[in-house]
């Protein structure tokens, strides 16, 4: 095997040296069931996230043991793996029981900074919630999740993260024959909206309250002991969700499967399935070709975020007040906080992307006109916002290097004239300083579908070098990295219409 084809090796670890913190595990039934992972044949390390490993305190000792644990071939010493049960609304349709059908919680660690971190294997085999499926994940989707989660983290978006990606020659059949893979993803908690829906639908108030108390104690400790703690906690979940989706919109990120069982009570981007960053801007862009009705289109994401919060409020209503009508009123009052938080965050974000020091009346018009220009010109979302930093407020010269991205040059020039006027209206305008600010919020690099596909195609042939290249590139999405300029380009025409779906 050539050096290029040789799998990357993880930093060694002695798992027994790490501090276990089995808080979620102690909840026991009916929240989760103990399940052993199914062994993976001939595991090989496709990529190992050394920076994250360092944050978790993974020290050097037993390299082989670590690979076997991350493949699901050995349990974490002193911890029994488990799969959680939940329900959810999938594409708007109620499904009364779902659960971790291919995910297992394998450890809860206390990191050196004192934070508790849960480790979960995705693709580790069947569980009681697999619904007759094999519980496996394929290399294709596992690469996308591994790179996508780490890309979002580097962009500053709350998200689960990935510690490792293990591949195998073991066959898995989807539309075609593929090979299995296992991702180890991490988060402070994997509790999701659907877990509360599950117990609410069964009128199991005791378990629901116990789960809520667990989440509050572990992640919202400032709310403990308050008489209205459940309503206050719901309010914080609603706010975090609104902020999260505002960040998605500002980056042109589409989740693809915004089901309630895929929404985190911590406001994390959870469950990377058919996600995607838009190339050409389209208001109604749908990244998941299984989403036939466009329920989760880019423009619909803010509304769906609120809809999901409404489902959570409905599930929690027995905890909000004794009488149903009072609970409904409390829930509605809490939900009123979604829209103003979303609007505030997203409008501040657009202002930052355009380089404005403060928001002013008329800014929303400038934003919408620019997005309209992008849509009519089929302009690239990420590139176009990044290029705006080149426009000078101290000159009326043509915006060369930017205007060429737009089909309607006349309309773009008119927009630039208004934009420059807005910039000049601010005191202490400095083009260089403004460009630097803009380049800190408008990324140069995102995980475009065609980049992920190139890495997937190589990895399926045993070459993991492109996974490593993208992992390093995407750790620094706002830096220029001149030697990587081609990774900031639009996809070639033959790779523009890559389809992603729920099949993985």
Foldseek 3Di string as FASTA:
>chain_A
DDPLLAADFDAAADLVPFAFDPLVVVLPPPFKDFDQFDAAPPKTFLDFDVVVCVQQVGHHDHRVVVSCCQRRNDARPPFTKIKGWFWWQWLNRTGQTATLQQKIFRTWTQGPVRAIKIKMKQARFGDPRVVPDTSFDFPLQLLCVQLAQLLCVLLVAFAKHWGTKMWHQPWDDDVHITTTIMTIIMDSDLDFLRRLVNCLVVVNVPSSVVVVVSCCVRPVVVLPPPLQSVLVLLLVLLLLQLLNLLLCLLQQKFQQTLMRSQGDSVSHRGDRAQIFRFFQDDLLDHRAVVSVVSCRGSVNPLVVSLVSSLSSLVSCLVVRDPDNVVSVVSSVVSSVVNVVSNVVNNLVLQCLLLLHPDDDPPSVVLVVLVSVQSNVFSATSLVQSLLSLQDDLVDLDPSPPRLVRGPPSVSVSVSVVVSSVVQVVDPPRDSVVSNVSNLSNRFLADPHPVLSVVCSVCVSVSRSNSSVVSSVCSSNRSDCPVVPNVRSDRDPPVPNDDHTHRTD
